Amino acid sequence: MNENAFIAALQDINNHPVRFGECTITFTFHDGRLQYYTLTTSERKNVADLNANFKKMECVPNGKTA
């Protein structure tokens, strides 16, 4: 496999920093040769934090933040 593809993928990961979540790289081959790679990132949201934020909004009239 082409070492430059790994270096390029690593640079892409560094340009898309993920603090809480996942990063997936998929390499696609055709006839045994690397054709391209796909970088997928996702961001994790904690449900407990969302519930706490909604409760704070319920305490303020009209749901507006203070």
N, C-alpha and C. Protein backbone atom coordinates (compact mmCIF):
# COMPACT_ATOMS: atom_id res chain seq x y z
N MET A 1 0.85 -1.18 0.00
CA MET A 1 0.00 0.00 0.00
C MET A 1 0.89 1.24 0.00
N ASN A 2 0.38 2.30 -0.53
CA ASN A 2 1.13 3.54 -0.68
C ASN A 2 1.28 4.24 0.67
N GLU A 3 2.52 4.43 1.09
CA GLU A 3 2.80 5.10 2.38
C GLU A 3 2.30 6.54 2.37
N ASN A 4 2.32 7.18 1.22
CA ASN A 4 1.84 8.56 1.12
C ASN A 4 0.36 8.68 1.46
N ALA A 5 -0.41 7.63 1.20
CA ALA A 5 -1.84 7.65 1.53
C ALA A 5 -2.02 7.71 3.04
N PHE A 6 -1.20 6.97 3.79
CA PHE A 6 -1.28 7.02 5.24
C PHE A 6 -0.90 8.40 5.77
N ILE A 7 0.12 8.99 5.20
CA ILE A 7 0.55 10.32 5.62
C ILE A 7 -0.54 11.35 5.32
N ALA A 8 -1.15 11.28 4.14
CA ALA A 8 -2.23 12.20 3.79
C ALA A 8 -3.43 12.02 4.71
N ALA A 9 -3.77 10.76 5.03
CA ALA A 9 -4.89 10.50 5.94
C ALA A 9 -4.60 11.05 7.32
N LEU A 10 -3.38 10.88 7.80
CA LEU A 10 -3.00 11.42 9.11
C LEU A 10 -3.11 12.94 9.12
N GLN A 11 -2.68 13.59 8.06
CA GLN A 11 -2.79 15.05 7.97
C GLN A 11 -4.26 15.48 7.96
N ASP A 12 -5.12 14.73 7.28
CA ASP A 12 -6.55 15.04 7.28
C ASP A 12 -7.14 14.90 8.68
N ILE A 13 -6.72 13.87 9.41
CA ILE A 13 -7.20 13.69 10.78
C ILE A 13 -6.78 14.87 11.64
N ASN A 14 -5.56 15.32 11.49
CA ASN A 14 -5.07 16.46 12.27
C ASN A 14 -5.82 17.74 11.92
N ASN A 15 -6.33 17.85 10.70
CA ASN A 15 -7.09 19.03 10.29
C ASN A 15 -8.55 18.98 10.73
N HIS A 16 -9.01 17.82 11.19
CA HIS A 16 -10.38 17.64 11.68
C HIS A 16 -10.32 17.10 13.10
N PRO A 17 -9.84 17.91 14.05
CA PRO A 17 -9.68 17.38 15.41
C PRO A 17 -11.02 16.97 16.01
N VAL A 18 -11.03 15.80 16.62
CA VAL A 18 -12.22 15.28 17.29
C VAL A 18 -11.88 15.18 18.77
N ARG A 19 -12.58 15.94 19.60
CA ARG A 19 -12.33 15.88 21.04
C ARG A 19 -13.09 14.74 21.68
N PHE A 20 -14.35 14.60 21.33
CA PHE A 20 -15.20 13.55 21.87
C PHE A 20 -15.96 12.94 20.70
N GLY A 21 -15.55 11.80 20.24
CA GLY A 21 -16.22 11.17 19.12
C GLY A 21 -15.35 10.13 18.47
N GLU A 22 -15.53 9.95 17.18
CA GLU A 22 -14.82 8.91 16.45
C GLU A 22 -14.30 9.44 15.12
N CYS A 23 -13.28 8.75 14.64
CA CYS A 23 -12.74 9.03 13.32
C CYS A 23 -12.50 7.68 12.64
N THR A 24 -13.01 7.52 11.43
CA THR A 24 -12.85 6.28 10.69
C THR A 24 -12.25 6.58 9.33
N ILE A 25 -11.27 5.77 8.94
CA ILE A 25 -10.70 5.89 7.60
C ILE A 25 -10.98 4.58 6.88
N THR A 26 -11.56 4.69 5.68
CA THR A 26 -11.84 3.53 4.86
C THR A 26 -11.01 3.64 3.58
N PHE A 27 -10.19 2.62 3.33
CA PHE A 27 -9.38 2.58 2.12
C PHE A 27 -10.11 1.72 1.09
N THR A 28 -10.22 2.21 -0.14
CA THR A 28 -10.90 1.48 -1.21
C THR A 28 -9.87 1.07 -2.26
N PHE A 29 -9.92 -0.21 -2.60
CA PHE A 29 -8.97 -0.78 -3.55
C PHE A 29 -9.69 -1.24 -4.81
N HIS A 30 -8.96 -1.23 -5.92
CA HIS A 30 -9.45 -1.79 -7.17
C HIS A 30 -8.28 -2.52 -7.82
N ASP A 31 -8.49 -3.78 -8.15
CA ASP A 31 -7.43 -4.63 -8.73
C ASP A 31 -6.18 -4.63 -7.86
N GLY A 32 -6.38 -4.62 -6.54
CA GLY A 32 -5.25 -4.71 -5.62
C GLY A 32 -4.51 -3.40 -5.39
N ARG A 33 -5.00 -2.33 -5.99
CA ARG A 33 -4.34 -1.04 -5.81
C ARG A 33 -5.26 -0.08 -5.07
N LEU A 34 -4.66 0.72 -4.23
CA LEU A 34 -5.41 1.72 -3.48
C LEU A 34 -5.92 2.79 -4.44
N GLN A 35 -7.23 3.04 -4.41
CA GLN A 35 -7.83 4.04 -5.28
C GLN A 35 -8.10 5.35 -4.55
N TYR A 36 -8.69 5.24 -3.36
CA TYR A 36 -8.97 6.43 -2.57
C TYR A 36 -9.26 6.02 -1.14
N TYR A 37 -9.33 7.03 -0.28
CA TYR A 37 -9.74 6.78 1.10
C TYR A 37 -10.83 7.76 1.49
N THR A 38 -11.64 7.34 2.44
CA THR A 38 -12.73 8.17 2.94
C THR A 38 -12.51 8.40 4.42
N LEU A 39 -12.56 9.65 4.83
CA LEU A 39 -12.40 10.02 6.24
C LEU A 39 -13.78 10.42 6.76
N THR A 40 -14.21 9.75 7.83
CA THR A 40 -15.51 10.03 8.44
C THR A 40 -15.29 10.38 9.90
N THR A 41 -15.82 11.51 10.34
CA THR A 41 -15.73 11.89 11.75
C THR A 41 -17.13 12.04 12.32
N SER A 42 -17.22 11.81 13.60
CA SER A 42 -18.49 12.00 14.29
C SER A 42 -18.22 12.65 15.64
N GLU A 43 -19.19 13.37 16.13
CA GLU A 43 -19.06 14.07 17.41
C GLU A 43 -20.05 13.47 18.39
N ARG A 44 -19.55 13.12 19.57
CA ARG A 44 -20.40 12.51 20.59
C ARG A 44 -21.08 13.60 21.42
N LYS A 45 -22.36 13.42 21.67
CA LYS A 45 -23.13 14.32 22.55
C LYS A 45 -23.64 13.49 23.72
N ASN A 46 -23.34 13.92 24.93
CA ASN A 46 -23.80 13.22 26.11
C ASN A 46 -25.25 13.57 26.40
N VAL A 47 -26.10 12.57 26.52
CA VAL A 47 -27.52 12.79 26.77
C VAL A 47 -27.73 13.45 28.12
N ALA A 48 -26.93 13.10 29.12
CA ALA A 48 -27.07 13.70 30.44
C ALA A 48 -26.87 15.21 30.36
N ASP A 49 -25.91 15.66 29.56
CA ASP A 49 -25.67 17.10 29.40
C ASP A 49 -26.85 17.77 28.70
N LEU A 50 -27.43 17.10 27.71
CA LEU A 50 -28.58 17.67 27.01
C LEU A 50 -29.76 17.83 27.96
N ASN A 51 -30.01 16.81 28.79
CA ASN A 51 -31.11 16.89 29.74
C ASN A 51 -30.90 18.03 30.74
N ALA A 52 -29.67 18.23 31.19
CA ALA A 52 -29.37 19.31 32.13
C ALA A 52 -29.62 20.67 31.48
N ASN A 53 -29.25 20.82 30.23
CA ASN A 53 -29.45 22.09 29.52
C ASN A 53 -30.94 22.39 29.34
N PHE A 54 -31.74 21.38 29.04
CA PHE A 54 -33.18 21.59 28.88
C PHE A 54 -33.82 21.97 30.21
N LYS A 55 -33.36 21.37 31.30
CA LYS A 55 -33.91 21.72 32.61
C LYS A 55 -33.60 23.17 32.96
N LYS A 56 -32.40 23.63 32.60
CA LYS A 56 -32.05 25.03 32.85
C LYS A 56 -32.97 25.95 32.06
N MET A 57 -33.28 25.57 30.82
CA MET A 57 -34.15 26.40 29.98
C MET A 57 -35.57 26.43 30.53
N GLU A 58 -36.02 25.35 31.16
CA GLU A 58 -37.37 25.31 31.71
C GLU A 58 -37.53 26.27 32.88
N CYS A 59 -36.44 26.57 33.56
CA CYS A 59 -36.49 27.46 34.72
C CYS A 59 -36.57 28.93 34.32
N VAL A 60 -36.25 29.25 33.09
CA VAL A 60 -36.24 30.63 32.62
C VAL A 60 -37.52 30.86 31.81
N PRO A 61 -38.26 31.94 32.07
CA PRO A 61 -39.49 32.21 31.32
C PRO A 61 -39.26 32.25 29.81
N ASN A 62 -40.18 31.69 29.05
CA ASN A 62 -40.15 31.67 27.58
C ASN A 62 -38.97 30.88 27.02
N GLY A 63 -38.29 30.10 27.86
CA GLY A 63 -37.19 29.28 27.39
C GLY A 63 -35.96 30.06 26.98
N LYS A 64 -35.92 31.36 27.30
CA LYS A 64 -34.76 32.18 26.94
C LYS A 64 -33.70 32.01 28.01
N THR A 65 -32.46 32.05 27.57
CA THR A 65 -31.36 31.92 28.52
C THR A 65 -31.13 33.24 29.23
N ALA A 66 -30.60 33.13 30.42
CA ALA A 66 -30.37 34.34 31.23
C ALA A 66 -29.18 35.11 30.75
